[in-house]
Amino acid sequence: MGERSKGPVLVPCPVEGCERTLTVPALAPDGAEGLCVCLAVRLRLTWFYGGPPEYGRTPHLTVVGPARGGRMIRERLREMGLDRPLLTPAQAAAVLEVGRPTVEHLIREGRVRTVRVGRKVYITAASLEHLVEGGVPAAQAAWLALRLMERAGLRVELFTDPKGGFRASAGGKEALGVSPEEALLALAEALAKEEEA
């Protein structure tokens, strides 16, 4: 076996269509898991020995499975005691199981929504859910749900809840959410379940 590399190794993402290069720390353990920067899949690191002489071993990334969805992010936040609307970059990195540089990269690319309070920067938990689950942005989905409820003849009311968050009501149903979008989507889901019954 050769010597360990002294610095990080750049490895292309194995996901077809993803042209990103991942930085693998030289001391990363065999079997370590994480997400690609595109957050489409979970990856596992395997070291192969007998690679280039300057490294002594070569990193290989394999796809383990799809990234966790938004609902999983909410559950993970609860498990970690971080069930709140704003997270620090370090907390977001822990939730996503990536390094802080990856979170900072996502911030620079505008892929997560940030809120500045004084000198501190926070990431919204809703933007982490959207990032991982992909699909239609929550704001657009909430707007579409609102339009459909209004077309169905329902008067939709949205107001802040005294206990925190937002409350949406229509057709005798009420729903709570951390954001106005989440409250509207929860209301639309409750009304849809009522229609199905």
N, C-alpha and C. Protein backbone atom coordinates (compact mmCIF):
# COMPACT_ATOMS: atom_id res chain seq x y z
N MET A 1 0.84 -1.18 0.00
CA MET A 1 0.00 0.00 0.00
C MET A 1 0.88 1.24 0.00
N GLY A 2 0.43 2.25 -0.75
CA GLY A 2 1.19 3.49 -0.83
C GLY A 2 0.87 4.42 0.33
N GLU A 3 1.49 5.57 0.28
CA GLU A 3 1.23 6.59 1.30
C GLU A 3 -0.14 7.21 1.09
N ARG A 4 -0.70 7.70 2.17
CA ARG A 4 -1.97 8.42 2.06
C ARG A 4 -1.73 9.76 1.39
N SER A 5 -2.75 10.25 0.68
CA SER A 5 -2.60 11.54 0.03
C SER A 5 -2.52 12.63 1.09
N LYS A 6 -1.84 13.68 0.77
CA LYS A 6 -1.66 14.77 1.72
C LYS A 6 -2.80 15.76 1.66
N GLY A 7 -3.53 15.80 0.57
CA GLY A 7 -4.62 16.76 0.41
C GLY A 7 -5.87 16.09 -0.14
N PRO A 8 -6.93 16.89 -0.33
CA PRO A 8 -8.17 16.33 -0.85
C PRO A 8 -8.02 15.88 -2.31
N VAL A 9 -8.88 14.95 -2.71
CA VAL A 9 -8.87 14.41 -4.06
C VAL A 9 -10.17 14.82 -4.73
N LEU A 10 -10.11 15.26 -5.98
CA LEU A 10 -11.30 15.64 -6.73
C LEU A 10 -11.81 14.41 -7.48
N VAL A 11 -13.11 14.14 -7.32
CA VAL A 11 -13.72 12.97 -7.94
C VAL A 11 -14.99 13.42 -8.66
N PRO A 12 -15.20 13.01 -9.92
CA PRO A 12 -16.44 13.39 -10.61
C PRO A 12 -17.64 12.66 -10.01
N CYS A 13 -18.78 13.33 -9.98
CA CYS A 13 -20.01 12.71 -9.48
C CYS A 13 -20.40 11.58 -10.43
N PRO A 14 -20.78 10.40 -9.90
CA PRO A 14 -21.14 9.28 -10.77
C PRO A 14 -22.54 9.37 -11.37
N VAL A 15 -23.31 10.41 -11.01
CA VAL A 15 -24.68 10.54 -11.51
C VAL A 15 -24.64 11.00 -12.97
N GLU A 16 -25.37 10.28 -13.82
CA GLU A 16 -25.42 10.65 -15.23
C GLU A 16 -26.04 12.03 -15.38
N GLY A 17 -25.38 12.89 -16.10
CA GLY A 17 -25.88 14.25 -16.31
C GLY A 17 -25.35 15.26 -15.31
N CYS A 18 -24.83 14.81 -14.18
CA CYS A 18 -24.26 15.72 -13.19
C CYS A 18 -22.79 15.92 -13.54
N GLU A 19 -22.42 17.14 -13.79
CA GLU A 19 -21.04 17.43 -14.19
C GLU A 19 -20.22 18.00 -13.04
N ARG A 20 -20.69 17.82 -11.81
CA ARG A 20 -20.00 18.38 -10.66
C ARG A 20 -18.83 17.49 -10.24
N THR A 21 -17.87 18.13 -9.62
CA THR A 21 -16.71 17.42 -9.08
C THR A 21 -16.77 17.54 -7.57
N LEU A 22 -16.65 16.42 -6.90
CA LEU A 22 -16.71 16.40 -5.45
C LEU A 22 -15.31 16.35 -4.87
N THR A 23 -15.13 17.03 -3.75
CA THR A 23 -13.84 17.03 -3.05
C THR A 23 -13.90 15.98 -1.95
N VAL A 24 -13.06 14.99 -2.05
CA VAL A 24 -13.00 13.92 -1.04
C VAL A 24 -11.78 14.16 -0.17
N PRO A 25 -11.97 14.42 1.13
CA PRO A 25 -10.83 14.62 2.02
C PRO A 25 -9.96 13.37 2.08
N ALA A 26 -8.66 13.56 2.17
CA ALA A 26 -7.72 12.44 2.18
C ALA A 26 -7.96 11.50 3.35
N LEU A 27 -8.45 12.02 4.46
CA LEU A 27 -8.67 11.19 5.65
C LEU A 27 -10.09 10.68 5.78
N ALA A 28 -10.91 10.84 4.73
CA ALA A 28 -12.30 10.35 4.78
C ALA A 28 -12.28 8.83 4.94
N PRO A 29 -13.10 8.30 5.85
CA PRO A 29 -13.09 6.85 6.07
C PRO A 29 -13.77 6.09 4.94
N ASP A 30 -13.32 4.87 4.74
CA ASP A 30 -13.94 3.98 3.77
C ASP A 30 -15.38 3.73 4.19
N GLY A 31 -16.32 3.81 3.27
CA GLY A 31 -17.72 3.57 3.59
C GLY A 31 -18.48 4.83 4.00
N ALA A 32 -17.81 5.98 4.02
CA ALA A 32 -18.49 7.23 4.38
C ALA A 32 -19.57 7.53 3.35
N GLU A 33 -20.70 8.07 3.82
CA GLU A 33 -21.80 8.41 2.92
C GLU A 33 -22.08 9.89 2.96
N GLY A 34 -22.61 10.40 1.87
CA GLY A 34 -22.98 11.81 1.79
C GLY A 34 -23.80 12.04 0.55
N LEU A 35 -24.10 13.32 0.29
CA LEU A 35 -24.89 13.69 -0.88
C LEU A 35 -24.02 14.37 -1.91
N CYS A 36 -24.38 14.21 -3.17
CA CYS A 36 -23.72 14.98 -4.22
C CYS A 36 -24.13 16.44 -4.02
N VAL A 37 -23.35 17.36 -4.54
CA VAL A 37 -23.68 18.77 -4.43
C VAL A 37 -25.04 19.05 -5.09
N CYS A 38 -25.39 18.26 -6.11
CA CYS A 38 -26.70 18.43 -6.77
C CYS A 38 -27.82 17.91 -5.88
N LEU A 39 -27.46 17.18 -4.82
CA LEU A 39 -28.39 16.61 -3.83
C LEU A 39 -29.42 15.66 -4.45
N ALA A 40 -29.06 15.06 -5.59
CA ALA A 40 -29.98 14.13 -6.24
C ALA A 40 -29.88 12.72 -5.65
N VAL A 41 -28.68 12.34 -5.23
CA VAL A 41 -28.47 10.97 -4.76
C VAL A 41 -27.55 10.94 -3.54
N ARG A 42 -27.63 9.83 -2.82
CA ARG A 42 -26.71 9.57 -1.72
C ARG A 42 -25.55 8.75 -2.31
N LEU A 43 -24.35 9.08 -1.88
CA LEU A 43 -23.15 8.42 -2.39
C LEU A 43 -22.38 7.76 -1.27
N ARG A 44 -21.65 6.67 -1.60
CA ARG A 44 -20.79 5.99 -0.64
C ARG A 44 -19.37 5.98 -1.18
N LEU A 45 -18.41 6.27 -0.31
CA LEU A 45 -17.00 6.33 -0.68
C LEU A 45 -16.33 4.98 -0.44
N THR A 46 -15.58 4.54 -1.43
CA THR A 46 -14.76 3.33 -1.29
C THR A 46 -13.36 3.69 -1.78
N TRP A 47 -12.35 3.30 -1.02
CA TRP A 47 -10.97 3.56 -1.43
C TRP A 47 -10.41 2.31 -2.09
N PHE A 48 -9.82 2.48 -3.27
CA PHE A 48 -9.14 1.38 -3.95
C PHE A 48 -7.64 1.63 -3.84
N TYR A 49 -6.90 0.61 -3.43
CA TYR A 49 -5.46 0.75 -3.29
C TYR A 49 -4.79 0.37 -4.61
N GLY A 50 -3.60 0.91 -4.81
CA GLY A 50 -2.86 0.62 -6.05
C GLY A 50 -3.13 1.66 -7.11
N GLY A 51 -3.64 2.83 -6.72
CA GLY A 51 -3.91 3.90 -7.66
C GLY A 51 -2.64 4.63 -8.04
N PRO A 52 -2.76 5.87 -8.45
CA PRO A 52 -1.56 6.65 -8.83
C PRO A 52 -0.56 6.68 -7.69
N PRO A 53 0.73 6.65 -8.00
CA PRO A 53 1.75 6.59 -6.94
C PRO A 53 1.69 7.77 -5.99
N GLU A 54 1.28 8.94 -6.47
CA GLU A 54 1.26 10.11 -5.58
C GLU A 54 0.17 9.99 -4.51
N TYR A 55 -0.84 9.16 -4.73
CA TYR A 55 -1.91 9.00 -3.73
C TYR A 55 -1.82 7.67 -3.00
N GLY A 56 -1.43 6.63 -3.69
CA GLY A 56 -1.36 5.32 -3.05
C GLY A 56 -2.71 4.64 -2.99
N ARG A 57 -3.77 5.40 -3.13
CA ARG A 57 -5.11 4.83 -3.17
C ARG A 57 -6.01 5.80 -3.95
N THR A 58 -7.06 5.26 -4.53
CA THR A 58 -7.94 6.06 -5.37
C THR A 58 -9.36 6.02 -4.82
N PRO A 59 -10.02 7.16 -4.67
CA PRO A 59 -11.39 7.17 -4.19
C PRO A 59 -12.36 6.78 -5.31
N HIS A 60 -13.40 6.07 -4.94
CA HIS A 60 -14.45 5.69 -5.88
C HIS A 60 -15.79 5.95 -5.21
N LEU A 61 -16.68 6.66 -5.91
CA LEU A 61 -18.01 6.96 -5.37
C LEU A 61 -19.05 6.10 -6.06
N THR A 62 -19.92 5.48 -5.27
CA THR A 62 -21.02 4.70 -5.83
C THR A 62 -22.33 5.27 -5.32
N VAL A 63 -23.36 5.15 -6.14
CA VAL A 63 -24.69 5.64 -5.78
C VAL A 63 -25.34 4.63 -4.85
N VAL A 64 -25.77 5.09 -3.68
CA VAL A 64 -26.41 4.23 -2.68
C VAL A 64 -27.92 4.24 -2.88
N GLY A 65 -28.48 5.40 -3.20
CA GLY A 65 -29.92 5.53 -3.38
C GLY A 65 -30.29 6.99 -3.57
N PRO A 66 -31.59 7.26 -3.68
CA PRO A 66 -32.01 8.64 -3.85
C PRO A 66 -31.80 9.44 -2.57
N ALA A 67 -31.69 10.75 -2.73
CA ALA A 67 -31.59 11.62 -1.57
C ALA A 67 -32.91 11.56 -0.80
N ARG A 68 -32.85 11.88 0.45
CA ARG A 68 -34.06 11.88 1.27
C ARG A 68 -34.98 13.00 0.82
N GLY A 69 -36.28 12.77 0.93
CA GLY A 69 -37.26 13.79 0.53
C GLY A 69 -37.47 14.82 1.62
N GLY A 70 -38.29 15.84 1.30
CA GLY A 70 -38.56 16.94 2.22
C GLY A 70 -39.17 16.48 3.53
N ARG A 71 -40.08 15.52 3.47
CA ARG A 71 -40.69 15.02 4.71
C ARG A 71 -39.62 14.40 5.61
N MET A 72 -38.64 13.74 4.99
CA MET A 72 -37.54 13.15 5.75
C MET A 72 -36.71 14.26 6.40
N ILE A 73 -36.56 15.38 5.71
CA ILE A 73 -35.81 16.51 6.27
C ILE A 73 -36.52 16.99 7.53
N ARG A 74 -37.85 17.14 7.47
CA ARG A 74 -38.61 17.59 8.64
C ARG A 74 -38.43 16.62 9.80
N GLU A 75 -38.49 15.31 9.51
CA GLU A 75 -38.31 14.31 10.56
C GLU A 75 -36.89 14.39 11.14
N ARG A 76 -35.93 14.56 10.28
CA ARG A 76 -34.54 14.67 10.73
C ARG A 76 -34.34 15.91 11.60
N LEU A 77 -34.98 17.02 11.23
CA LEU A 77 -34.90 18.24 12.03
C LEU A 77 -35.45 17.98 13.44
N ARG A 78 -36.59 17.29 13.50
CA ARG A 78 -37.18 16.97 14.82
C ARG A 78 -36.24 16.08 15.64
N GLU A 79 -35.68 15.06 15.00
CA GLU A 79 -34.76 14.15 15.69
C GLU A 79 -33.56 14.88 16.26
N MET A 80 -33.09 15.89 15.52
CA MET A 80 -31.89 16.63 15.93
C MET A 80 -32.22 17.80 16.86
N GLY A 81 -33.51 17.98 17.17
CA GLY A 81 -33.92 19.09 18.04
C GLY A 81 -33.81 20.44 17.34
N LEU A 82 -33.92 20.44 16.02
CA LEU A 82 -33.78 21.67 15.23
C LEU A 82 -35.08 22.02 14.52
N ASP A 83 -36.21 21.66 15.10
CA ASP A 83 -37.50 21.88 14.47
C ASP A 83 -37.88 23.36 14.58
N ARG A 84 -37.25 24.17 13.75
CA ARG A 84 -37.52 25.62 13.73
C ARG A 84 -37.36 26.11 12.29
N PRO A 85 -37.89 27.30 12.00
CA PRO A 85 -37.87 27.76 10.61
C PRO A 85 -36.51 28.21 10.08
N LEU A 86 -35.59 28.64 10.95
CA LEU A 86 -34.29 29.13 10.50
C LEU A 86 -33.15 28.30 11.09
N LEU A 87 -32.16 28.00 10.26
CA LEU A 87 -31.01 27.20 10.68
C LEU A 87 -29.72 27.92 10.32
N THR A 88 -28.69 27.73 11.12
CA THR A 88 -27.37 28.26 10.77
C THR A 88 -26.80 27.38 9.66
N PRO A 89 -25.82 27.87 8.91
CA PRO A 89 -25.20 27.02 7.88
C PRO A 89 -24.63 25.71 8.46
N ALA A 90 -24.07 25.76 9.65
CA ALA A 90 -23.53 24.53 10.27
C ALA A 90 -24.65 23.53 10.57
N GLN A 91 -25.79 24.03 11.06
CA GLN A 91 -26.93 23.15 11.33
C GLN A 91 -27.47 22.56 10.03
N ALA A 92 -27.56 23.39 8.99
CA ALA A 92 -28.04 22.90 7.68
C ALA A 92 -27.11 21.83 7.15
N ALA A 93 -25.80 22.01 7.33
CA ALA A 93 -24.83 21.01 6.88
C ALA A 93 -25.04 19.69 7.62
N ALA A 94 -25.30 19.77 8.93
CA ALA A 94 -25.53 18.54 9.71
C ALA A 94 -26.80 17.83 9.25
N VAL A 95 -27.85 18.59 8.97
CA VAL A 95 -29.12 17.98 8.53
C VAL A 95 -28.95 17.31 7.17
N LEU A 96 -28.25 17.96 6.25
CA LEU A 96 -28.06 17.41 4.91
C LEU A 96 -26.94 16.37 4.85
N GLU A 97 -26.17 16.26 5.94
CA GLU A 97 -25.04 15.34 6.01
C GLU A 97 -23.99 15.68 4.96
N VAL A 98 -23.71 16.98 4.83
CA VAL A 98 -22.66 17.47 3.93
C VAL A 98 -21.78 18.41 4.74
N GLY A 99 -20.69 18.83 4.16
CA GLY A 99 -19.81 19.78 4.83
C GLY A 99 -20.32 21.21 4.70
N ARG A 100 -19.83 22.06 5.56
CA ARG A 100 -20.23 23.47 5.51
C ARG A 100 -19.87 24.13 4.18
N PRO A 101 -18.72 23.79 3.55
CA PRO A 101 -18.41 24.39 2.24
C PRO A 101 -19.49 24.09 1.19
N THR A 102 -20.09 22.90 1.26
CA THR A 102 -21.16 22.55 0.33
C THR A 102 -22.36 23.45 0.56
N VAL A 103 -22.70 23.70 1.82
CA VAL A 103 -23.83 24.58 2.15
C VAL A 103 -23.53 25.99 1.67
N GLU A 104 -22.31 26.45 1.87
CA GLU A 104 -21.94 27.79 1.40
C GLU A 104 -22.02 27.87 -0.12
N HIS A 105 -21.67 26.78 -0.80
CA HIS A 105 -21.79 26.72 -2.26
C HIS A 105 -23.27 26.82 -2.67
N LEU A 106 -24.15 26.12 -1.96
CA LEU A 106 -25.58 26.19 -2.25
C LEU A 106 -26.12 27.60 -2.03
N ILE A 107 -25.62 28.29 -1.02
CA ILE A 107 -26.04 29.67 -0.75
C ILE A 107 -25.60 30.57 -1.89
N ARG A 108 -24.33 30.44 -2.30
CA ARG A 108 -23.81 31.28 -3.40
C ARG A 108 -24.58 31.05 -4.70
N GLU A 109 -24.98 29.80 -4.96
CA GLU A 109 -25.73 29.48 -6.17
C GLU A 109 -27.19 29.92 -6.07
N GLY A 110 -27.64 30.29 -4.87
CA GLY A 110 -29.03 30.70 -4.69
C GLY A 110 -29.99 29.53 -4.63
N ARG A 111 -29.48 28.33 -4.31
CA ARG A 111 -30.33 27.14 -4.28
C ARG A 111 -31.04 26.95 -2.94
N VAL A 112 -30.63 27.72 -1.92
CA VAL A 112 -31.33 27.73 -0.64
C VAL A 112 -31.64 29.19 -0.29
N ARG A 113 -32.75 29.39 0.36
CA ARG A 113 -33.17 30.74 0.73
C ARG A 113 -32.53 31.12 2.06
N THR A 114 -31.97 32.31 2.11
CA THR A 114 -31.31 32.76 3.33
C THR A 114 -32.00 34.00 3.88
N VAL A 115 -31.83 34.18 5.18
CA VAL A 115 -32.35 35.35 5.88
C VAL A 115 -31.20 35.91 6.70
N ARG A 116 -30.96 37.20 6.59
CA ARG A 116 -29.88 37.83 7.36
C ARG A 116 -30.50 38.52 8.57
N VAL A 117 -29.97 38.21 9.74
CA VAL A 117 -30.36 38.86 10.99
C VAL A 117 -29.09 39.45 11.58
N GLY A 118 -28.96 40.77 11.46
CA GLY A 118 -27.71 41.41 11.87
C GLY A 118 -26.59 40.93 10.98
N ARG A 119 -25.55 40.39 11.58
CA ARG A 119 -24.42 39.87 10.80
C ARG A 119 -24.56 38.39 10.48
N LYS A 120 -25.52 37.74 11.12
CA LYS A 120 -25.66 36.29 10.94
C LYS A 120 -26.55 35.97 9.74
N VAL A 121 -26.22 34.87 9.07
CA VAL A 121 -27.00 34.38 7.94
C VAL A 121 -27.65 33.07 8.35
N TYR A 122 -28.95 32.96 8.12
CA TYR A 122 -29.69 31.75 8.42
C TYR A 122 -30.29 31.19 7.14
N ILE A 123 -30.50 29.88 7.12
CA ILE A 123 -31.11 29.19 5.99
C ILE A 123 -32.49 28.74 6.42
N THR A 124 -33.49 28.94 5.55
CA THR A 124 -34.84 28.52 5.91
C THR A 124 -34.95 26.99 5.79
N ALA A 125 -35.62 26.40 6.75
CA ALA A 125 -35.83 24.95 6.72
C ALA A 125 -36.66 24.56 5.51
N ALA A 126 -37.62 25.41 5.13
CA ALA A 126 -38.47 25.13 3.97
C ALA A 126 -37.63 25.03 2.69
N SER A 127 -36.58 25.87 2.59
CA SER A 127 -35.76 25.81 1.38
C SER A 127 -34.92 24.53 1.34
N LEU A 128 -34.56 24.00 2.51
CA LEU A 128 -33.85 22.71 2.53
C LEU A 128 -34.77 21.60 2.05
N GLU A 129 -36.03 21.63 2.50
CA GLU A 129 -36.99 20.63 2.05
C GLU A 129 -37.16 20.71 0.54
N HIS A 130 -37.33 21.92 0.04
CA HIS A 130 -37.52 22.09 -1.41
C HIS A 130 -36.28 21.64 -2.18
N LEU A 131 -35.12 21.94 -1.66
CA LEU A 131 -33.88 21.56 -2.32
C LEU A 131 -33.78 20.06 -2.48
N VAL A 132 -34.13 19.33 -1.44
CA VAL A 132 -34.00 17.88 -1.46
C VAL A 132 -35.13 17.21 -2.22
N GLU A 133 -36.37 17.71 -2.06
CA GLU A 133 -37.48 17.04 -2.72
C GLU A 133 -37.66 17.49 -4.15
N GLY A 134 -37.10 18.67 -4.51
CA GLY A 134 -37.22 19.15 -5.89
C GLY A 134 -38.67 19.43 -6.23
N GLY A 135 -39.02 19.34 -7.48
CA GLY A 135 -40.39 19.55 -7.91
C GLY A 135 -40.76 21.02 -7.95
N VAL A 136 -42.06 21.27 -7.80
CA VAL A 136 -42.60 22.62 -7.88
C VAL A 136 -42.26 23.38 -6.60
N PRO A 137 -41.77 24.62 -6.71
CA PRO A 137 -41.49 25.39 -5.50
C PRO A 137 -42.75 25.56 -4.66
N ALA A 138 -42.59 25.58 -3.33
CA ALA A 138 -43.73 25.67 -2.42
C ALA A 138 -44.57 26.90 -2.69
N ALA A 139 -43.93 28.04 -3.00
CA ALA A 139 -44.69 29.27 -3.24
C ALA A 139 -45.59 29.11 -4.47
N GLN A 140 -45.07 28.50 -5.51
CA GLN A 140 -45.87 28.30 -6.72
C GLN A 140 -46.99 27.31 -6.47
N ALA A 141 -46.71 26.22 -5.76
CA ALA A 141 -47.73 25.23 -5.45
C ALA A 141 -48.83 25.84 -4.58
N ALA A 142 -48.44 26.68 -3.61
CA ALA A 142 -49.43 27.32 -2.73
C ALA A 142 -50.30 28.29 -3.53
N TRP A 143 -49.71 29.04 -4.44
CA TRP A 143 -50.47 29.96 -5.27
C TRP A 143 -51.47 29.22 -6.13
N LEU A 144 -51.05 28.08 -6.73
CA LEU A 144 -51.96 27.28 -7.54
C LEU A 144 -53.10 26.70 -6.70
N ALA A 145 -52.76 26.22 -5.49
CA ALA A 145 -53.79 25.67 -4.59
C ALA A 145 -54.79 26.76 -4.20
N LEU A 146 -54.29 27.96 -3.93
CA LEU A 146 -55.16 29.08 -3.57
C LEU A 146 -56.12 29.41 -4.72
N ARG A 147 -55.59 29.47 -5.94
CA ARG A 147 -56.43 29.76 -7.11
C ARG A 147 -57.51 28.69 -7.29
N LEU A 148 -57.13 27.42 -7.12
CA LEU A 148 -58.10 26.34 -7.27
C LEU A 148 -59.18 26.39 -6.20
N MET A 149 -58.79 26.71 -4.95
CA MET A 149 -59.78 26.82 -3.88
C MET A 149 -60.74 27.97 -4.16
N GLU A 150 -60.22 29.10 -4.65
CA GLU A 150 -61.08 30.24 -4.97
C GLU A 150 -62.01 29.92 -6.13
N ARG A 151 -61.52 29.18 -7.12
CA ARG A 151 -62.37 28.78 -8.25
C ARG A 151 -63.47 27.82 -7.81
N ALA A 152 -63.20 27.06 -6.76
CA ALA A 152 -64.21 26.14 -6.23
C ALA A 152 -65.23 26.88 -5.36
N GLY A 153 -65.09 28.21 -5.26
CA GLY A 153 -66.05 29.02 -4.50
C GLY A 153 -65.73 29.14 -3.02
N LEU A 154 -64.54 28.75 -2.61
CA LEU A 154 -64.17 28.84 -1.20
C LEU A 154 -63.52 30.18 -0.91
N ARG A 155 -63.87 30.76 0.23
CA ARG A 155 -63.21 31.98 0.68
C ARG A 155 -62.06 31.57 1.58
N VAL A 156 -60.86 31.86 1.15
CA VAL A 156 -59.66 31.44 1.88
C VAL A 156 -59.17 32.60 2.73
N GLU A 157 -58.94 32.31 4.01
CA GLU A 157 -58.40 33.32 4.93
C GLU A 157 -57.04 32.83 5.43
N LEU A 158 -56.09 33.75 5.46
CA LEU A 158 -54.74 33.43 5.93
C LEU A 158 -54.33 34.48 6.94
N PHE A 159 -53.92 34.03 8.12
CA PHE A 159 -53.51 34.98 9.17
C PHE A 159 -52.44 34.36 10.05
N THR A 160 -51.74 35.21 10.79
CA THR A 160 -50.71 34.70 11.69
C THR A 160 -51.36 34.06 12.90
N ASP A 161 -50.74 33.02 13.39
CA ASP A 161 -51.24 32.31 14.55
C ASP A 161 -50.58 32.89 15.80
N PRO A 162 -51.33 33.14 16.86
CA PRO A 162 -50.73 33.70 18.08
C PRO A 162 -49.62 32.83 18.67
N LYS A 163 -49.68 31.52 18.42
CA LYS A 163 -48.65 30.61 18.95
C LYS A 163 -47.44 30.52 18.04
N GLY A 164 -47.46 31.24 16.92
CA GLY A 164 -46.36 31.19 15.96
C GLY A 164 -46.77 30.49 14.69
N GLY A 165 -46.25 30.92 13.59
CA GLY A 165 -46.59 30.32 12.30
C GLY A 165 -47.78 31.00 11.67
N PHE A 166 -48.45 30.28 10.79
CA PHE A 166 -49.58 30.81 10.04
C PHE A 166 -50.73 29.83 10.06
N ARG A 167 -51.95 30.38 9.96
CA ARG A 167 -53.17 29.57 9.95
C ARG A 167 -53.95 29.93 8.70
N ALA A 168 -54.39 28.92 7.96
CA ALA A 168 -55.23 29.11 6.77
C ALA A 168 -56.56 28.42 7.02
N SER A 169 -57.66 29.05 6.58
CA SER A 169 -58.97 28.42 6.76
C SER A 169 -59.84 28.66 5.53
N ALA A 170 -60.67 27.67 5.24
CA ALA A 170 -61.63 27.74 4.14
C ALA A 170 -62.55 26.54 4.24
N GLY A 171 -63.81 26.73 3.91
CA GLY A 171 -64.76 25.61 3.89
C GLY A 171 -64.87 24.88 5.20
N GLY A 172 -64.73 25.56 6.32
CA GLY A 172 -64.85 24.93 7.63
C GLY A 172 -63.62 24.15 8.07
N LYS A 173 -62.57 24.18 7.29
CA LYS A 173 -61.32 23.49 7.64
C LYS A 173 -60.25 24.51 7.97
N GLU A 174 -59.33 24.13 8.85
CA GLU A 174 -58.20 24.98 9.21
C GLU A 174 -56.92 24.17 9.14
N ALA A 175 -55.82 24.86 8.84
CA ALA A 175 -54.52 24.19 8.81
C ALA A 175 -53.45 25.16 9.27
N LEU A 176 -52.43 24.62 9.92
CA LEU A 176 -51.30 25.41 10.41
C LEU A 176 -50.06 25.14 9.57
N GLY A 177 -49.16 26.13 9.54
CA GLY A 177 -47.90 25.95 8.84
C GLY A 177 -46.87 26.94 9.36
N VAL A 178 -45.61 26.60 9.17
CA VAL A 178 -44.52 27.49 9.58
C VAL A 178 -44.49 28.72 8.68
N SER A 179 -44.82 28.53 7.41
CA SER A 179 -44.84 29.63 6.45
C SER A 179 -46.26 29.74 5.87
N PRO A 180 -46.61 30.86 5.24
CA PRO A 180 -47.92 30.96 4.61
C PRO A 180 -48.14 29.87 3.56
N GLU A 181 -47.07 29.56 2.80
CA GLU A 181 -47.18 28.53 1.77
C GLU A 181 -47.52 27.17 2.38
N GLU A 182 -46.83 26.84 3.47
CA GLU A 182 -47.06 25.55 4.13
C GLU A 182 -48.48 25.47 4.67
N ALA A 183 -49.00 26.57 5.23
CA ALA A 183 -50.37 26.59 5.75
C ALA A 183 -51.38 26.39 4.62
N LEU A 184 -51.18 27.08 3.50
CA LEU A 184 -52.09 26.93 2.36
C LEU A 184 -52.06 25.52 1.78
N LEU A 185 -50.87 24.94 1.67
CA LEU A 185 -50.76 23.58 1.14
C LEU A 185 -51.38 22.56 2.09
N ALA A 186 -51.22 22.76 3.40
CA ALA A 186 -51.84 21.86 4.38
C ALA A 186 -53.36 21.97 4.30
N LEU A 187 -53.88 23.19 4.10
CA LEU A 187 -55.32 23.39 3.96
C LEU A 187 -55.83 22.70 2.70
N ALA A 188 -55.12 22.86 1.59
CA ALA A 188 -55.52 22.21 0.33
C ALA A 188 -55.54 20.69 0.50
N GLU A 189 -54.55 20.16 1.23
CA GLU A 189 -54.50 18.70 1.46
C GLU A 189 -55.69 18.24 2.31
N ALA A 190 -56.03 19.02 3.34
CA ALA A 190 -57.17 18.67 4.21
C ALA A 190 -58.46 18.71 3.42
N LEU A 191 -58.64 19.71 2.58
CA LEU A 191 -59.85 19.80 1.75
C LEU A 191 -59.93 18.68 0.74
N ALA A 192 -58.79 18.29 0.18
CA ALA A 192 -58.76 17.19 -0.79
C ALA A 192 -59.13 15.87 -0.13
N LYS A 193 -58.63 15.65 1.11
CA LYS A 193 -58.97 14.41 1.83
C LYS A 193 -60.46 14.37 2.15
N GLU A 194 -61.05 15.53 2.46
CA GLU A 194 -62.48 15.61 2.76
C GLU A 194 -63.29 15.25 1.50
N GLU A 195 -62.83 15.72 0.32
CA GLU A 195 -63.51 15.42 -0.94
C GLU A 195 -63.46 13.94 -1.25
N GLU A 196 -62.32 13.29 -0.96
CA GLU A 196 -62.15 11.87 -1.25
C GLU A 196 -63.04 10.99 -0.39
N ALA A 197 -63.34 11.46 0.82
CA ALA A 197 -64.13 10.65 1.77
C ALA A 197 -65.59 10.60 1.43
